[in-house]
N, C-alpha and C. Protein backbone atom coordinates (compact mmCIF):
# COMPACT_ATOMS: atom_id res chain seq x y z
N MET A 1 -11.65 -1.68 0.65
CA MET A 1 -11.67 -2.35 1.94
C MET A 1 -12.22 -1.38 2.99
N GLU A 2 -13.11 -1.88 3.77
CA GLU A 2 -13.68 -1.12 4.87
C GLU A 2 -13.46 -1.89 6.16
N ILE A 3 -13.51 -1.18 7.27
CA ILE A 3 -13.43 -1.79 8.59
C ILE A 3 -14.84 -1.73 9.19
N THR A 4 -15.34 -2.88 9.60
CA THR A 4 -16.65 -2.97 10.23
C THR A 4 -16.45 -3.20 11.73
N ILE A 5 -17.21 -2.49 12.53
CA ILE A 5 -17.15 -2.66 13.98
C ILE A 5 -18.37 -3.47 14.39
N LEU A 6 -18.12 -4.62 15.03
CA LEU A 6 -19.20 -5.50 15.45
C LEU A 6 -19.34 -5.49 16.97
N ASN A 7 -20.55 -5.65 17.41
CA ASN A 7 -20.88 -5.74 18.83
C ASN A 7 -20.68 -7.19 19.29
N THR A 8 -19.87 -7.38 20.33
CA THR A 8 -19.62 -8.74 20.82
C THR A 8 -20.15 -8.95 22.23
N GLY A 9 -21.08 -8.14 22.66
CA GLY A 9 -21.65 -8.42 23.97
C GLY A 9 -22.22 -7.23 24.70
N ASP A 10 -21.89 -6.02 24.30
CA ASP A 10 -22.48 -4.85 24.95
C ASP A 10 -23.96 -4.76 24.56
N ASP A 11 -24.76 -4.15 25.43
CA ASP A 11 -26.13 -3.89 24.99
C ASP A 11 -26.06 -2.86 23.87
N GLU A 12 -27.11 -2.82 23.08
CA GLU A 12 -27.09 -1.98 21.88
C GLU A 12 -26.82 -0.51 22.17
N THR A 13 -27.38 0.01 23.24
CA THR A 13 -27.18 1.42 23.58
C THR A 13 -25.71 1.68 23.90
N ALA A 14 -25.12 0.83 24.74
CA ALA A 14 -23.71 1.00 25.11
C ALA A 14 -22.81 0.85 23.89
N PHE A 15 -23.13 -0.10 23.04
CA PHE A 15 -22.34 -0.31 21.83
C PHE A 15 -22.37 0.94 20.94
N HIS A 16 -23.55 1.47 20.69
CA HIS A 16 -23.66 2.64 19.82
C HIS A 16 -23.01 3.87 20.45
N GLU A 17 -23.08 4.00 21.77
CA GLU A 17 -22.41 5.12 22.43
C GLU A 17 -20.89 4.99 22.29
N THR A 18 -20.39 3.75 22.34
CA THR A 18 -18.95 3.52 22.23
C THR A 18 -18.42 3.82 20.83
N VAL A 19 -19.13 3.36 19.81
CA VAL A 19 -18.58 3.44 18.45
C VAL A 19 -19.07 4.62 17.64
N ALA A 20 -19.91 5.44 18.22
CA ALA A 20 -20.41 6.59 17.49
C ALA A 20 -19.34 7.67 17.36
N GLY A 21 -19.44 8.45 16.33
CA GLY A 21 -18.62 9.65 16.18
C GLY A 21 -17.13 9.41 16.16
N GLU A 22 -16.43 10.19 16.94
CA GLU A 22 -14.97 10.21 16.92
C GLU A 22 -14.35 8.89 17.33
N VAL A 23 -14.95 8.19 18.29
CA VAL A 23 -14.38 6.92 18.74
C VAL A 23 -14.44 5.88 17.61
N GLY A 24 -15.59 5.79 16.96
CA GLY A 24 -15.72 4.86 15.84
C GLY A 24 -14.74 5.19 14.72
N THR A 25 -14.61 6.47 14.43
CA THR A 25 -13.66 6.90 13.40
C THR A 25 -12.24 6.54 13.80
N ALA A 26 -11.89 6.76 15.07
CA ALA A 26 -10.54 6.43 15.56
C ALA A 26 -10.28 4.93 15.48
N LEU A 27 -11.28 4.11 15.81
CA LEU A 27 -11.11 2.66 15.73
C LEU A 27 -10.87 2.22 14.29
N ARG A 28 -11.68 2.73 13.37
CA ARG A 28 -11.51 2.35 11.96
C ARG A 28 -10.17 2.82 11.41
N LYS A 29 -9.78 4.04 11.73
CA LYS A 29 -8.50 4.56 11.25
C LYS A 29 -7.34 3.75 11.80
N ALA A 30 -7.39 3.42 13.09
CA ALA A 30 -6.32 2.61 13.70
C ALA A 30 -6.27 1.23 13.05
N GLY A 31 -7.43 0.67 12.73
CA GLY A 31 -7.46 -0.62 12.05
C GLY A 31 -6.83 -0.55 10.68
N LYS A 32 -7.17 0.47 9.91
CA LYS A 32 -6.57 0.63 8.58
C LYS A 32 -5.07 0.89 8.67
N ASP A 33 -4.67 1.69 9.66
CA ASP A 33 -3.24 1.96 9.85
C ASP A 33 -2.50 0.67 10.19
N TYR A 34 -3.11 -0.18 11.00
CA TYR A 34 -2.49 -1.45 11.38
C TYR A 34 -2.23 -2.31 10.14
N ILE A 35 -3.22 -2.39 9.26
CA ILE A 35 -3.05 -3.16 8.03
C ILE A 35 -1.99 -2.50 7.15
N GLY A 36 -2.02 -1.18 7.05
CA GLY A 36 -1.05 -0.45 6.24
C GLY A 36 0.38 -0.63 6.73
N GLN A 37 0.56 -0.68 8.04
CA GLN A 37 1.90 -0.86 8.61
C GLN A 37 2.48 -2.23 8.25
N ARG A 38 1.62 -3.16 7.92
CA ARG A 38 2.07 -4.49 7.54
C ARG A 38 2.18 -4.65 6.02
N ASP A 39 1.97 -3.54 5.31
CA ASP A 39 2.08 -3.53 3.84
C ASP A 39 1.25 -4.63 3.19
N LEU A 40 0.02 -4.80 3.69
CA LEU A 40 -0.87 -5.80 3.13
C LEU A 40 -1.87 -5.11 2.20
N SER A 41 -1.88 -5.54 0.95
CA SER A 41 -2.83 -4.99 -0.01
C SER A 41 -4.17 -5.72 0.13
N GLU A 42 -5.19 -5.13 -0.45
CA GLU A 42 -6.49 -5.79 -0.42
C GLU A 42 -6.43 -7.14 -1.13
N ASN A 43 -5.67 -7.23 -2.22
CA ASN A 43 -5.53 -8.50 -2.93
C ASN A 43 -4.85 -9.55 -2.05
N GLN A 44 -3.84 -9.15 -1.29
CA GLN A 44 -3.19 -10.09 -0.37
C GLN A 44 -4.16 -10.55 0.71
N LEU A 45 -4.98 -9.63 1.21
CA LEU A 45 -5.96 -9.98 2.23
C LEU A 45 -7.03 -10.93 1.66
N LEU A 46 -7.45 -10.68 0.43
CA LEU A 46 -8.41 -11.58 -0.22
C LEU A 46 -7.81 -12.97 -0.38
N ALA A 47 -6.55 -13.04 -0.77
CA ALA A 47 -5.88 -14.34 -0.91
C ALA A 47 -5.79 -15.03 0.44
N MET A 48 -5.48 -14.28 1.49
CA MET A 48 -5.41 -14.84 2.84
C MET A 48 -6.77 -15.38 3.26
N GLN A 49 -7.82 -14.63 2.93
CA GLN A 49 -9.18 -15.05 3.27
C GLN A 49 -9.49 -16.41 2.63
N GLN A 50 -9.02 -16.61 1.41
CA GLN A 50 -9.26 -17.87 0.70
C GLN A 50 -8.36 -19.00 1.18
N SER A 51 -7.07 -18.70 1.36
CA SER A 51 -6.10 -19.76 1.62
C SER A 51 -5.85 -20.04 3.09
N ASP A 52 -6.04 -19.05 3.95
CA ASP A 52 -5.74 -19.24 5.37
C ASP A 52 -6.66 -18.38 6.24
N PRO A 53 -7.94 -18.77 6.32
CA PRO A 53 -8.89 -17.96 7.09
C PRO A 53 -8.50 -17.81 8.56
N ASP A 54 -7.79 -18.78 9.11
CA ASP A 54 -7.34 -18.66 10.51
C ASP A 54 -6.34 -17.52 10.66
N ALA A 55 -5.46 -17.36 9.69
CA ALA A 55 -4.49 -16.26 9.73
C ALA A 55 -5.22 -14.92 9.63
N LEU A 56 -6.24 -14.85 8.81
CA LEU A 56 -7.02 -13.62 8.69
C LEU A 56 -7.72 -13.31 10.01
N SER A 57 -8.25 -14.32 10.66
CA SER A 57 -8.90 -14.12 11.96
C SER A 57 -7.92 -13.62 13.01
N ARG A 58 -6.70 -14.17 13.01
CA ARG A 58 -5.67 -13.69 13.94
C ARG A 58 -5.29 -12.25 13.64
N LEU A 59 -5.18 -11.92 12.36
CA LEU A 59 -4.87 -10.56 11.95
C LEU A 59 -5.96 -9.60 12.43
N GLU A 60 -7.22 -9.99 12.27
CA GLU A 60 -8.32 -9.14 12.74
C GLU A 60 -8.31 -8.98 14.25
N ALA A 61 -7.96 -10.05 14.97
CA ALA A 61 -7.87 -9.97 16.44
C ALA A 61 -6.76 -9.02 16.85
N ASP A 62 -5.61 -9.12 16.19
CA ASP A 62 -4.49 -8.21 16.49
C ASP A 62 -4.84 -6.77 16.13
N MET A 63 -5.54 -6.60 15.01
CA MET A 63 -5.97 -5.27 14.57
C MET A 63 -6.92 -4.67 15.60
N THR A 64 -7.84 -5.49 16.14
CA THR A 64 -8.78 -5.01 17.15
C THR A 64 -8.04 -4.58 18.41
N THR A 65 -7.10 -5.40 18.86
CA THR A 65 -6.31 -5.06 20.06
C THR A 65 -5.59 -3.73 19.85
N HIS A 66 -4.95 -3.58 18.71
CA HIS A 66 -4.24 -2.35 18.39
C HIS A 66 -5.18 -1.15 18.40
N ALA A 67 -6.32 -1.28 17.73
CA ALA A 67 -7.27 -0.16 17.61
C ALA A 67 -7.81 0.23 18.99
N LEU A 68 -8.11 -0.73 19.84
CA LEU A 68 -8.61 -0.42 21.18
C LEU A 68 -7.55 0.33 21.98
N GLU A 69 -6.29 -0.06 21.84
CA GLU A 69 -5.20 0.64 22.53
C GLU A 69 -5.09 2.07 22.03
N VAL A 70 -5.12 2.26 20.72
CA VAL A 70 -5.00 3.59 20.14
C VAL A 70 -6.15 4.49 20.59
N ALA A 71 -7.36 3.93 20.66
CA ALA A 71 -8.53 4.71 21.04
C ALA A 71 -8.69 4.82 22.56
N ASN A 72 -7.72 4.27 23.31
CA ASN A 72 -7.76 4.30 24.78
C ASN A 72 -9.01 3.66 25.35
N LEU A 73 -9.40 2.52 24.76
CA LEU A 73 -10.53 1.75 25.27
C LEU A 73 -10.01 0.47 25.93
N ARG A 74 -10.77 -0.04 26.88
CA ARG A 74 -10.39 -1.29 27.55
C ARG A 74 -10.40 -2.44 26.54
N GLN A 75 -9.52 -3.40 26.75
CA GLN A 75 -9.47 -4.56 25.86
C GLN A 75 -10.73 -5.41 25.95
N ASP A 76 -11.45 -5.31 27.06
CA ASP A 76 -12.68 -6.09 27.19
C ASP A 76 -13.92 -5.32 26.72
N THR A 77 -13.69 -4.20 26.04
CA THR A 77 -14.80 -3.47 25.42
C THR A 77 -15.48 -4.42 24.44
N GLY A 78 -16.79 -4.39 24.39
CA GLY A 78 -17.54 -5.36 23.60
C GLY A 78 -17.59 -5.07 22.12
N VAL A 79 -16.43 -4.83 21.51
CA VAL A 79 -16.38 -4.61 20.06
C VAL A 79 -15.25 -5.43 19.45
N VAL A 80 -15.41 -5.73 18.20
CA VAL A 80 -14.37 -6.38 17.42
C VAL A 80 -14.38 -5.75 16.03
N LEU A 81 -13.20 -5.62 15.46
CA LEU A 81 -13.08 -5.07 14.10
C LEU A 81 -12.98 -6.22 13.10
N ARG A 82 -13.66 -6.06 12.00
CA ARG A 82 -13.59 -7.04 10.91
C ARG A 82 -13.28 -6.32 9.62
N LEU A 83 -12.52 -6.99 8.77
CA LEU A 83 -12.21 -6.46 7.45
C LEU A 83 -13.35 -6.79 6.50
N ASN A 84 -13.87 -5.79 5.86
CA ASN A 84 -14.87 -5.99 4.82
C ASN A 84 -14.14 -5.84 3.51
N LEU A 85 -13.75 -6.95 2.94
CA LEU A 85 -12.90 -6.92 1.75
C LEU A 85 -13.69 -6.64 0.48
N GLN A 86 -14.98 -6.53 0.58
CA GLN A 86 -15.79 -6.12 -0.56
C GLN A 86 -15.91 -4.61 -0.60
N GLY A 87 -15.42 -3.93 0.45
CA GLY A 87 -15.47 -2.47 0.50
C GLY A 87 -16.89 -1.98 0.53
N ASP A 88 -17.09 -0.78 0.02
CA ASP A 88 -18.44 -0.21 0.00
C ASP A 88 -18.97 -0.18 -1.43
N LYS A 89 -18.58 -1.17 -2.22
CA LYS A 89 -19.00 -1.22 -3.62
C LYS A 89 -20.52 -1.37 -3.70
N LYS A 90 -21.10 -0.63 -4.58
CA LYS A 90 -22.55 -0.69 -4.78
C LYS A 90 -22.85 -1.72 -5.86
N THR A 91 -23.91 -2.51 -5.63
CA THR A 91 -24.29 -3.51 -6.64
C THR A 91 -25.64 -3.19 -7.19
């Protein structure tokens, strides 16, 4: 499982400045920690994705809010975190 940071409205330069380096790492780590604190395995998340996509979307929204708080970024920062449940597997 990987955490992907998506741009939701910032111009590309501002987005890349926000998520580059330590800030991007902090956002991803906070996102993974949020999932870990809820004791959710990747298999459980995959099942949620199949059976209740709305619940997964709410989880991702809560994860984004948490990560922005941890990274000391404004809640209206133009980023959102998404769970990449395929991980970084090579095909």
